[in-house]
Amino acid sequence: MESKFARVLRPWTLLCLTFLILANALPAHAIDDNENSTPTAWWFYSGQTPTDIKNTINSKNARIIDIKPDNSSGSTFTVVYVQNTGSYQKQWWWYYGIDANAVTQNLKTNNARLISLKA
């Protein structure tokens, strides 16, 4: 059985429903988390609302590396975060409940590429 730590370091298994993460494609900073062996802080929370997720990101300087809905309504989520500092620091964005036009606009606005999208 896969350990929680191994699951945290899976490469970009990100976001469910209409979540998406966008990352700036800068080759000089392109090291996948699964290739990074530097110790860093990480967190695993269940039952988080979108507001809880935003607060966790801000209070812990974290970024989402895995997210799954806890229920079919998508009102709460189980989220794995990594501290977004040092060798784990990346530019990133996340959006909840947006449509295709908003995805396109956010990609252009952030000069970014789509990493993951699940409906």
Protein backbone atom coordinates (compact mmCIF):
# COMPACT_ATOMS: atom_id res chain seq x y z
CA MET A 1 0.00 0.00 0.00
CA GLU A 2 1.29 3.44 -0.89
CA SER A 3 2.33 5.62 2.06
CA LYS A 4 0.79 9.04 2.68
CA PHE A 5 4.19 10.62 2.02
CA ALA A 6 4.51 8.91 -1.36
CA ARG A 7 0.99 9.97 -2.26
CA VAL A 8 1.84 13.59 -1.41
CA LEU A 9 4.77 13.56 -3.80
CA ARG A 10 2.91 12.14 -6.77
CA PRO A 11 3.43 14.42 -9.72
CA TRP A 12 0.60 16.87 -10.11
CA THR A 13 -2.33 14.68 -9.29
CA LEU A 14 -4.39 17.78 -8.92
CA LEU A 15 -7.87 18.96 -8.53
CA CYS A 16 -11.32 17.58 -8.99
CA LEU A 17 -14.61 18.84 -10.35
CA THR A 18 -14.05 22.21 -11.96
CA PHE A 19 -10.89 22.97 -10.09
CA LEU A 20 -7.85 23.83 -12.02
CA ILE A 21 -4.32 24.76 -11.32
CA LEU A 22 -2.29 26.84 -13.65
CA ALA A 23 1.47 27.08 -13.50
CA ASN A 24 3.86 29.41 -15.20
CA ALA A 25 6.00 27.42 -17.60
CA LEU A 26 9.51 28.56 -16.74
CA PRO A 27 12.06 25.91 -17.80
CA ALA A 28 14.70 27.26 -15.40
CA HIS A 29 12.42 26.35 -12.49
CA ALA A 30 11.06 23.13 -13.94
CA ILE A 31 11.65 20.39 -11.40
CA ASP A 32 8.72 18.12 -10.69
CA ASP A 33 7.91 17.59 -7.04
CA ASN A 34 8.31 13.84 -7.48
CA GLU A 35 11.98 14.41 -8.35
CA ASN A 36 12.56 16.70 -5.37
CA SER A 37 13.98 14.98 -2.27
CA THR A 38 14.45 18.15 -0.21
CA PRO A 39 12.46 17.90 3.05
CA THR A 40 9.61 20.40 3.33
CA ALA A 41 6.44 20.96 5.30
CA TRP A 42 3.20 19.43 4.02
CA TRP A 43 -0.37 19.18 5.28
CA PHE A 44 -3.34 16.87 4.75
CA TYR A 45 -6.85 18.09 5.66
CA SER A 46 -10.33 16.65 5.15
CA GLY A 47 -13.63 18.50 5.28
CA GLN A 48 -12.25 21.77 3.91
CA THR A 49 -14.62 24.25 2.28
CA PRO A 50 -13.35 26.51 -0.52
CA THR A 51 -12.95 29.25 2.13
CA ASP A 52 -10.94 26.89 4.36
CA ILE A 53 -8.72 26.04 1.40
CA LYS A 54 -8.06 29.73 0.69
CA ASN A 55 -7.27 30.35 4.38
CA THR A 56 -4.89 27.37 4.56
CA ILE A 57 -3.06 28.52 1.43
CA ASN A 58 -2.64 32.02 2.85
CA SER A 59 -1.79 31.13 6.45
CA LYS A 60 0.74 28.40 5.62
CA ASN A 61 2.17 29.80 2.37
CA ALA A 62 1.07 26.52 0.80
CA ARG A 63 0.04 25.26 -2.60
CA ILE A 64 -2.32 22.45 -3.47
CA ILE A 65 -0.76 19.25 -4.77
CA ASP A 66 -3.82 16.99 -4.50
CA ILE A 67 -7.53 17.64 -3.96
CA LYS A 68 -10.60 15.43 -4.00
CA PRO A 69 -14.25 16.11 -3.13
CA ASP A 70 -15.51 14.57 0.11
CA ASN A 71 -19.06 14.31 -1.23
CA SER A 72 -21.01 14.43 -4.48
CA SER A 73 -22.08 18.04 -3.91
CA GLY A 74 -18.47 19.24 -3.84
CA SER A 75 -19.07 21.29 -0.71
CA THR A 76 -16.04 19.95 1.17
CA PHE A 77 -12.71 18.55 0.04
CA THR A 78 -9.73 16.55 1.18
CA VAL A 79 -6.64 18.53 0.28
CA VAL A 80 -2.90 17.88 0.39
CA TYR A 81 -0.64 20.92 0.45
CA VAL A 82 3.09 21.49 0.27
CA GLN A 83 4.88 24.55 1.59
CA ASN A 84 5.42 26.79 -1.42
CA THR A 85 8.98 27.87 -0.55
CA GLY A 86 12.53 26.98 -1.48
CA SER A 87 12.90 24.25 -4.09
CA TYR A 88 9.13 23.61 -3.91
CA GLN A 89 8.19 27.20 -4.77
CA LYS A 90 6.16 27.60 -7.95
CA GLN A 91 3.90 30.23 -9.40
CA TRP A 92 0.43 28.76 -9.41
CA TRP A 93 -3.27 29.56 -9.38
CA TRP A 94 -6.40 27.65 -8.52
CA TYR A 95 -9.99 28.33 -9.42
CA TYR A 96 -13.21 26.75 -8.25
CA GLY A 97 -16.43 26.37 -10.23
CA ILE A 98 -15.48 28.24 -13.40
CA ASP A 99 -16.59 27.66 -16.99
CA ALA A 100 -14.57 27.15 -20.19
CA ASN A 101 -14.51 30.87 -21.02
CA ALA A 102 -13.07 31.68 -17.59
CA VAL A 103 -10.43 28.96 -18.03
CA THR A 104 -9.36 30.48 -21.34
CA GLN A 105 -9.28 34.00 -19.91
CA ASN A 106 -7.27 32.94 -16.84
CA LEU A 107 -4.72 31.13 -18.99
CA LYS A 108 -4.21 34.30 -21.03
CA THR A 109 -4.19 36.63 -18.02
CA ASN A 110 -1.63 34.55 -16.14
CA ASN A 111 0.44 33.66 -19.23
CA ALA A 112 0.13 30.11 -17.99
CA ARG A 113 -0.46 26.55 -19.10
CA LEU A 114 -3.15 24.20 -17.93
CA ILE A 115 -1.83 21.48 -15.62
CA SER A 116 -5.00 19.70 -14.57
CA LEU A 117 -8.75 20.01 -15.07
CA LYS A 118 -11.44 17.57 -14.04
CA ALA A 119 -15.14 18.11 -14.45
